[in-house]
Amino acid sequence: MHNHKIKQKLEGRILVGCLNAKEAKLVGDMTRNLVKPKNNLLNVKNRQKDNLTIANKIYNARHRYKHTIIGSGTEMQRLLKCLEDNTYVFKYRTVSGSKIVQIYFGHILNMCNYLTLFLQVC
C-alpha cells in the first residue's frame, strides 16, 4: 500500500488507463462517424495530453458501443429485423422448422415498379 496522494490526472478514474464517461462518449461518437480505432486513440490523447488510455481500452469501448446499437441476437435475427424495419417484403424457407436455408427479399417500391412494367407488357 502506498501512502502518497493520487495524482490530479488520475482522479475520476476507476482504474488507470480506463476511459472516463466523457471519453467513452467521445469514442462512441467517433465510432458512429466511422473513425478508425487508431484515430480514436489519437483524438482522445490530443484532447488531454496527460491521458494514459491504451488502445485495448478504445477497442473495448467501441465493442460496447456497437453492442448497444445492434443489440443481442444472431446475424440472421438482425437481418430479419432490418428487413422488417425498412419495409422490405421477404419470404424464407426453413429446414426442420428452425434453420433458414433460403431467403428472398425485395423493397416494396421496386416490386411496384416491376408490376407496372409487367402489366404494360401484357
N, C-alpha and C. Protein backbone atom coordinates (compact mmCIF):
# COMPACT_ATOMS: atom_id res chain seq x y z
N MET A 1 0.84 -1.16 0.00
CA MET A 1 0.00 0.00 0.00
C MET A 1 0.89 1.23 0.00
N HIS A 2 0.47 2.22 -0.82
CA HIS A 2 1.24 3.46 -0.92
C HIS A 2 0.61 4.52 -0.05
N ASN A 3 1.44 5.42 0.45
CA ASN A 3 0.96 6.47 1.33
C ASN A 3 1.02 7.85 0.68
N HIS A 4 0.99 7.91 -0.63
CA HIS A 4 1.04 9.21 -1.28
C HIS A 4 -0.32 9.52 -1.90
N LYS A 5 -0.54 10.80 -2.19
CA LYS A 5 -1.81 11.23 -2.78
C LYS A 5 -1.88 10.79 -4.24
N ILE A 6 -3.11 10.60 -4.71
CA ILE A 6 -3.31 10.25 -6.11
C ILE A 6 -3.07 11.48 -6.97
N LYS A 7 -2.47 11.28 -8.12
CA LYS A 7 -2.16 12.41 -9.00
C LYS A 7 -3.45 13.01 -9.54
N GLN A 8 -3.41 14.28 -9.83
CA GLN A 8 -4.57 15.02 -10.31
C GLN A 8 -5.16 14.40 -11.57
N LYS A 9 -4.29 13.96 -12.49
CA LYS A 9 -4.77 13.44 -13.76
C LYS A 9 -5.45 12.08 -13.63
N LEU A 10 -5.29 11.40 -12.51
CA LEU A 10 -5.90 10.09 -12.33
C LEU A 10 -7.20 10.14 -11.56
N GLU A 11 -7.59 11.32 -11.08
CA GLU A 11 -8.85 11.43 -10.33
C GLU A 11 -10.04 11.22 -11.26
N GLY A 12 -11.06 10.57 -10.78
CA GLY A 12 -12.26 10.31 -11.56
C GLY A 12 -12.19 9.05 -12.40
N ARG A 13 -11.15 8.28 -12.24
CA ARG A 13 -11.00 7.03 -12.98
C ARG A 13 -11.06 5.86 -12.01
N ILE A 14 -11.71 4.79 -12.46
CA ILE A 14 -11.77 3.59 -11.62
C ILE A 14 -10.42 2.89 -11.64
N LEU A 15 -9.87 2.71 -12.83
CA LEU A 15 -8.56 2.10 -12.99
C LEU A 15 -7.71 3.00 -13.88
N VAL A 16 -6.41 2.94 -13.68
CA VAL A 16 -5.51 3.73 -14.51
C VAL A 16 -5.58 3.18 -15.93
N GLY A 17 -5.74 4.04 -16.91
CA GLY A 17 -5.80 3.63 -18.30
C GLY A 17 -7.21 3.41 -18.81
N CYS A 18 -8.19 3.38 -17.93
CA CYS A 18 -9.58 3.20 -18.36
C CYS A 18 -10.15 4.54 -18.82
N LEU A 19 -11.16 4.46 -19.65
CA LEU A 19 -11.81 5.68 -20.13
C LEU A 19 -12.81 6.17 -19.10
N ASN A 20 -12.87 7.48 -18.91
CA ASN A 20 -13.93 8.02 -18.06
C ASN A 20 -15.18 8.21 -18.93
N ALA A 21 -16.25 8.65 -18.34
CA ALA A 21 -17.54 8.73 -19.05
C ALA A 21 -17.47 9.67 -20.24
N LYS A 22 -16.79 10.80 -20.09
CA LYS A 22 -16.69 11.77 -21.18
C LYS A 22 -15.91 11.19 -22.35
N GLU A 23 -14.81 10.49 -22.06
CA GLU A 23 -14.01 9.89 -23.12
C GLU A 23 -14.76 8.74 -23.78
N ALA A 24 -15.51 7.96 -23.02
CA ALA A 24 -16.28 6.86 -23.59
C ALA A 24 -17.35 7.39 -24.54
N LYS A 25 -17.97 8.51 -24.17
CA LYS A 25 -18.96 9.13 -25.07
C LYS A 25 -18.29 9.63 -26.34
N LEU A 26 -17.10 10.20 -26.21
CA LEU A 26 -16.35 10.67 -27.37
C LEU A 26 -16.01 9.51 -28.30
N VAL A 27 -15.57 8.38 -27.74
CA VAL A 27 -15.25 7.21 -28.55
C VAL A 27 -16.51 6.68 -29.24
N GLY A 28 -17.65 6.69 -28.54
CA GLY A 28 -18.91 6.27 -29.15
C GLY A 28 -19.30 7.16 -30.31
N ASP A 29 -19.13 8.47 -30.15
CA ASP A 29 -19.45 9.41 -31.23
C ASP A 29 -18.54 9.19 -32.43
N MET A 30 -17.26 8.96 -32.17
CA MET A 30 -16.32 8.73 -33.27
C MET A 30 -16.61 7.40 -33.95
N THR A 31 -17.01 6.40 -33.20
CA THR A 31 -17.36 5.10 -33.78
C THR A 31 -18.58 5.24 -34.68
N ARG A 32 -19.56 6.00 -34.24
CA ARG A 32 -20.76 6.23 -35.03
C ARG A 32 -20.41 6.94 -36.34
N ASN A 33 -19.38 7.78 -36.32
CA ASN A 33 -18.95 8.51 -37.52
C ASN A 33 -17.87 7.77 -38.30
N LEU A 34 -17.67 6.47 -38.00
CA LEU A 34 -16.77 5.57 -38.72
C LEU A 34 -15.30 6.00 -38.68
N VAL A 35 -14.87 6.54 -37.56
CA VAL A 35 -13.46 6.88 -37.36
C VAL A 35 -12.73 5.61 -36.96
N LYS A 36 -11.54 5.40 -37.52
CA LYS A 36 -10.76 4.20 -37.23
C LYS A 36 -10.30 4.20 -35.77
N PRO A 37 -10.13 3.00 -35.16
CA PRO A 37 -9.72 2.93 -33.76
C PRO A 37 -8.39 3.63 -33.48
N LYS A 38 -7.44 3.54 -34.41
CA LYS A 38 -6.15 4.21 -34.21
C LYS A 38 -6.35 5.71 -34.07
N ASN A 39 -7.23 6.26 -34.89
CA ASN A 39 -7.50 7.70 -34.84
C ASN A 39 -8.31 8.06 -33.59
N ASN A 40 -9.15 7.12 -33.11
CA ASN A 40 -9.87 7.36 -31.85
C ASN A 40 -8.89 7.60 -30.72
N LEU A 41 -7.89 6.74 -30.62
CA LEU A 41 -6.89 6.88 -29.55
C LEU A 41 -6.13 8.19 -29.69
N LEU A 42 -5.75 8.54 -30.90
CA LEU A 42 -5.03 9.81 -31.11
C LEU A 42 -5.89 11.01 -30.73
N ASN A 43 -7.18 10.98 -31.09
CA ASN A 43 -8.07 12.09 -30.74
C ASN A 43 -8.25 12.21 -29.24
N VAL A 44 -8.41 11.08 -28.56
CA VAL A 44 -8.58 11.12 -27.10
C VAL A 44 -7.32 11.68 -26.45
N LYS A 45 -6.15 11.23 -26.92
CA LYS A 45 -4.90 11.71 -26.33
C LYS A 45 -4.61 13.17 -26.69
N ASN A 46 -5.05 13.62 -27.86
CA ASN A 46 -4.83 15.03 -28.24
C ASN A 46 -5.70 15.96 -27.41
N ARG A 47 -6.87 15.51 -27.02
CA ARG A 47 -7.74 16.36 -26.20
C ARG A 47 -7.22 16.52 -24.78
N GLN A 48 -6.50 15.52 -24.31
CA GLN A 48 -5.96 15.56 -22.95
C GLN A 48 -4.54 14.99 -23.01
N LYS A 49 -3.56 15.86 -22.93
CA LYS A 49 -2.16 15.50 -23.18
C LYS A 49 -1.64 14.44 -22.20
N ASP A 50 -2.08 14.45 -20.96
CA ASP A 50 -1.57 13.50 -19.98
C ASP A 50 -2.45 12.26 -19.83
N ASN A 51 -3.15 11.90 -20.88
CA ASN A 51 -4.04 10.75 -20.87
C ASN A 51 -3.24 9.46 -20.91
N LEU A 52 -3.64 8.47 -20.12
CA LEU A 52 -2.93 7.20 -20.05
C LEU A 52 -3.71 6.06 -20.69
N THR A 53 -4.69 6.35 -21.51
CA THR A 53 -5.52 5.33 -22.14
C THR A 53 -4.70 4.54 -23.15
N ILE A 54 -4.97 3.23 -23.21
CA ILE A 54 -4.27 2.37 -24.17
C ILE A 54 -5.26 1.92 -25.25
N ALA A 55 -4.72 1.39 -26.34
CA ALA A 55 -5.55 1.00 -27.49
C ALA A 55 -6.58 -0.06 -27.13
N ASN A 56 -6.22 -0.97 -26.25
CA ASN A 56 -7.15 -2.04 -25.86
C ASN A 56 -8.43 -1.47 -25.25
N LYS A 57 -8.31 -0.42 -24.47
CA LYS A 57 -9.48 0.20 -23.86
C LYS A 57 -10.37 0.86 -24.92
N ILE A 58 -9.75 1.42 -25.98
CA ILE A 58 -10.51 2.01 -27.08
C ILE A 58 -11.30 0.92 -27.80
N TYR A 59 -10.64 -0.21 -28.10
CA TYR A 59 -11.33 -1.31 -28.78
C TYR A 59 -12.49 -1.83 -27.94
N ASN A 60 -12.28 -1.96 -26.63
CA ASN A 60 -13.35 -2.43 -25.75
C ASN A 60 -14.52 -1.45 -25.72
N ALA A 61 -14.22 -0.15 -25.68
CA ALA A 61 -15.29 0.86 -25.66
C ALA A 61 -16.06 0.84 -26.98
N ARG A 62 -15.35 0.65 -28.10
CA ARG A 62 -16.03 0.56 -29.41
C ARG A 62 -16.95 -0.66 -29.45
N HIS A 63 -16.46 -1.78 -28.92
CA HIS A 63 -17.27 -3.00 -28.91
C HIS A 63 -18.53 -2.81 -28.06
N ARG A 64 -18.37 -2.20 -26.89
CA ARG A 64 -19.54 -1.96 -26.03
C ARG A 64 -20.54 -1.03 -26.71
N TYR A 65 -20.04 0.01 -27.40
CA TYR A 65 -20.92 0.94 -28.10
C TYR A 65 -21.68 0.23 -29.21
N LYS A 66 -20.95 -0.55 -30.03
CA LYS A 66 -21.60 -1.26 -31.13
C LYS A 66 -22.62 -2.26 -30.62
N HIS A 67 -22.32 -2.90 -29.50
CA HIS A 67 -23.26 -3.88 -28.93
C HIS A 67 -24.54 -3.20 -28.46
N THR A 68 -24.44 -1.98 -27.94
CA THR A 68 -25.66 -1.27 -27.53
C THR A 68 -26.49 -0.87 -28.75
N ILE A 69 -25.83 -0.63 -29.88
CA ILE A 69 -26.55 -0.25 -31.10
C ILE A 69 -27.25 -1.44 -31.73
N ILE A 70 -26.53 -2.54 -31.95
CA ILE A 70 -27.12 -3.67 -32.67
C ILE A 70 -27.89 -4.61 -31.77
N GLY A 71 -27.62 -4.57 -30.48
CA GLY A 71 -28.35 -5.43 -29.55
C GLY A 71 -27.89 -6.87 -29.63
N SER A 72 -28.65 -7.72 -28.98
CA SER A 72 -28.29 -9.13 -28.95
C SER A 72 -28.99 -9.85 -30.09
N GLY A 73 -28.68 -11.09 -30.27
CA GLY A 73 -29.28 -11.90 -31.32
C GLY A 73 -28.26 -12.29 -32.37
N THR A 74 -28.63 -13.26 -33.17
CA THR A 74 -27.73 -13.73 -34.21
C THR A 74 -27.77 -12.78 -35.40
N GLU A 75 -26.85 -13.00 -36.33
CA GLU A 75 -26.81 -12.16 -37.53
C GLU A 75 -28.10 -12.31 -38.33
N MET A 76 -28.63 -13.52 -38.40
CA MET A 76 -29.86 -13.74 -39.15
C MET A 76 -31.03 -13.02 -38.50
N GLN A 77 -31.10 -13.02 -37.17
CA GLN A 77 -32.17 -12.30 -36.47
C GLN A 77 -32.07 -10.80 -36.73
N ARG A 78 -30.85 -10.28 -36.74
CA ARG A 78 -30.67 -8.85 -37.01
C ARG A 78 -31.04 -8.52 -38.45
N LEU A 79 -30.70 -9.42 -39.39
CA LEU A 79 -31.05 -9.20 -40.78
C LEU A 79 -32.57 -9.17 -40.96
N LEU A 80 -33.28 -10.13 -40.38
CA LEU A 80 -34.73 -10.17 -40.50
C LEU A 80 -35.37 -8.94 -39.85
N LYS A 81 -34.80 -8.47 -38.74
CA LYS A 81 -35.32 -7.27 -38.09
C LYS A 81 -35.12 -6.04 -38.98
N CYS A 82 -33.95 -5.93 -39.63
CA CYS A 82 -33.68 -4.81 -40.54
C CYS A 82 -34.63 -4.84 -41.73
N LEU A 83 -34.90 -6.03 -42.26
CA LEU A 83 -35.83 -6.15 -43.38
C LEU A 83 -37.22 -5.69 -42.97
N GLU A 84 -37.64 -6.08 -41.77
CA GLU A 84 -38.96 -5.65 -41.28
C GLU A 84 -39.01 -4.15 -41.06
N ASP A 85 -37.99 -3.60 -40.43
CA ASP A 85 -37.97 -2.18 -40.09
C ASP A 85 -37.97 -1.29 -41.33
N ASN A 86 -37.34 -1.75 -42.41
CA ASN A 86 -37.20 -0.93 -43.62
C ASN A 86 -38.21 -1.29 -44.70
N THR A 87 -39.30 -1.88 -44.31
CA THR A 87 -40.45 -2.22 -45.17
C THR A 87 -40.07 -3.04 -46.40
N TYR A 88 -39.22 -4.03 -46.20
CA TYR A 88 -38.92 -4.98 -47.26
C TYR A 88 -39.95 -6.10 -47.21
N VAL A 89 -40.26 -6.65 -48.36
CA VAL A 89 -41.10 -7.83 -48.44
C VAL A 89 -40.14 -9.01 -48.52
N PHE A 90 -40.31 -9.98 -47.63
CA PHE A 90 -39.38 -11.11 -47.65
C PHE A 90 -40.11 -12.41 -47.33
N LYS A 91 -39.51 -13.45 -47.84
CA LYS A 91 -40.01 -14.81 -47.62
C LYS A 91 -38.79 -15.69 -47.44
N TYR A 92 -38.88 -16.63 -46.52
CA TYR A 92 -37.75 -17.53 -46.33
C TYR A 92 -38.23 -18.97 -46.21
N ARG A 93 -37.32 -19.88 -46.51
CA ARG A 93 -37.60 -21.30 -46.45
C ARG A 93 -36.74 -21.91 -45.36
N THR A 94 -37.32 -22.76 -44.55
CA THR A 94 -36.58 -23.37 -43.44
C THR A 94 -36.51 -24.88 -43.63
N VAL A 95 -35.54 -25.47 -42.97
CA VAL A 95 -35.39 -26.91 -42.92
C VAL A 95 -35.62 -27.34 -41.48
N SER A 96 -36.47 -28.28 -41.30
CA SER A 96 -36.85 -28.81 -39.98
C SER A 96 -37.35 -27.72 -39.03
N GLY A 97 -37.95 -26.69 -39.59
CA GLY A 97 -38.63 -25.68 -38.79
C GLY A 97 -37.77 -24.62 -38.13
N SER A 98 -36.44 -24.74 -38.16
CA SER A 98 -35.66 -23.73 -37.46
C SER A 98 -34.52 -23.14 -38.28
N LYS A 99 -33.88 -23.92 -39.14
CA LYS A 99 -32.72 -23.44 -39.88
C LYS A 99 -33.17 -22.84 -41.21
N ILE A 100 -32.86 -21.56 -41.43
CA ILE A 100 -33.23 -20.88 -42.67
C ILE A 100 -32.21 -21.26 -43.74
N VAL A 101 -32.71 -21.77 -44.88
CA VAL A 101 -31.80 -22.17 -45.96
C VAL A 101 -31.86 -21.22 -47.15
N GLN A 102 -33.00 -20.57 -47.38
CA GLN A 102 -33.11 -19.61 -48.47
C GLN A 102 -33.93 -18.43 -48.00
N ILE A 103 -33.54 -17.25 -48.47
CA ILE A 103 -34.30 -16.05 -48.15
C ILE A 103 -34.41 -15.20 -49.41
N TYR A 104 -35.60 -14.75 -49.69
CA TYR A 104 -35.89 -13.89 -50.83
C TYR A 104 -36.43 -12.58 -50.27
N PHE A 105 -35.91 -11.47 -50.78
CA PHE A 105 -36.43 -10.19 -50.30
C PHE A 105 -36.32 -9.14 -51.38
N GLY A 106 -37.16 -8.15 -51.27
CA GLY A 106 -37.15 -7.02 -52.19
C GLY A 106 -37.90 -5.87 -51.55
N HIS A 107 -37.56 -4.67 -51.97
CA HIS A 107 -38.23 -3.49 -51.41
C HIS A 107 -39.57 -3.30 -52.11
N ILE A 108 -40.54 -2.84 -51.38
CA ILE A 108 -41.91 -2.70 -51.90
C ILE A 108 -41.98 -1.74 -53.09
N LEU A 109 -41.17 -0.68 -53.08
CA LEU A 109 -41.19 0.28 -54.19
C LEU A 109 -40.68 -0.36 -55.48
N ASN A 110 -39.62 -1.15 -55.39
CA ASN A 110 -39.09 -1.83 -56.57
C ASN A 110 -40.10 -2.84 -57.10
N MET A 111 -40.79 -3.53 -56.21
CA MET A 111 -41.77 -4.52 -56.65
C MET A 111 -42.93 -3.84 -57.36
N CYS A 112 -43.33 -2.66 -56.91
CA CYS A 112 -44.39 -1.92 -57.60
C CYS A 112 -43.95 -1.52 -58.99
N ASN A 113 -42.69 -1.12 -59.15
CA ASN A 113 -42.17 -0.76 -60.47
C ASN A 113 -42.18 -1.97 -61.40
N TYR A 114 -41.76 -3.13 -60.90
CA TYR A 114 -41.76 -4.34 -61.72
C TYR A 114 -43.18 -4.73 -62.12
N LEU A 115 -44.12 -4.57 -61.21
CA LEU A 115 -45.50 -4.92 -61.54
C LEU A 115 -46.06 -4.00 -62.61
N THR A 116 -45.75 -2.71 -62.56
CA THR A 116 -46.26 -1.80 -63.59
C THR A 116 -45.64 -2.12 -64.94
N LEU A 117 -44.35 -2.49 -64.97
CA LEU A 117 -43.73 -2.89 -66.22
C LEU A 117 -44.37 -4.17 -66.76
N PHE A 118 -44.63 -5.10 -65.88
CA PHE A 118 -45.22 -6.37 -66.29
C PHE A 118 -46.62 -6.15 -66.85
N LEU A 119 -47.40 -5.27 -66.23
CA LEU A 119 -48.74 -5.02 -66.70
C LEU A 119 -48.75 -4.31 -68.05
N GLN A 120 -47.73 -3.49 -68.32
CA GLN A 120 -47.65 -2.80 -69.61
C GLN A 120 -47.31 -3.76 -70.74
N VAL A 121 -46.54 -4.79 -70.44
CA VAL A 121 -46.17 -5.78 -71.45
C VAL A 121 -47.36 -6.64 -71.81
N CYS A 122 -48.13 -7.01 -70.80
CA CYS A 122 -49.29 -7.88 -71.05
C CYS A 122 -50.36 -7.08 -71.71
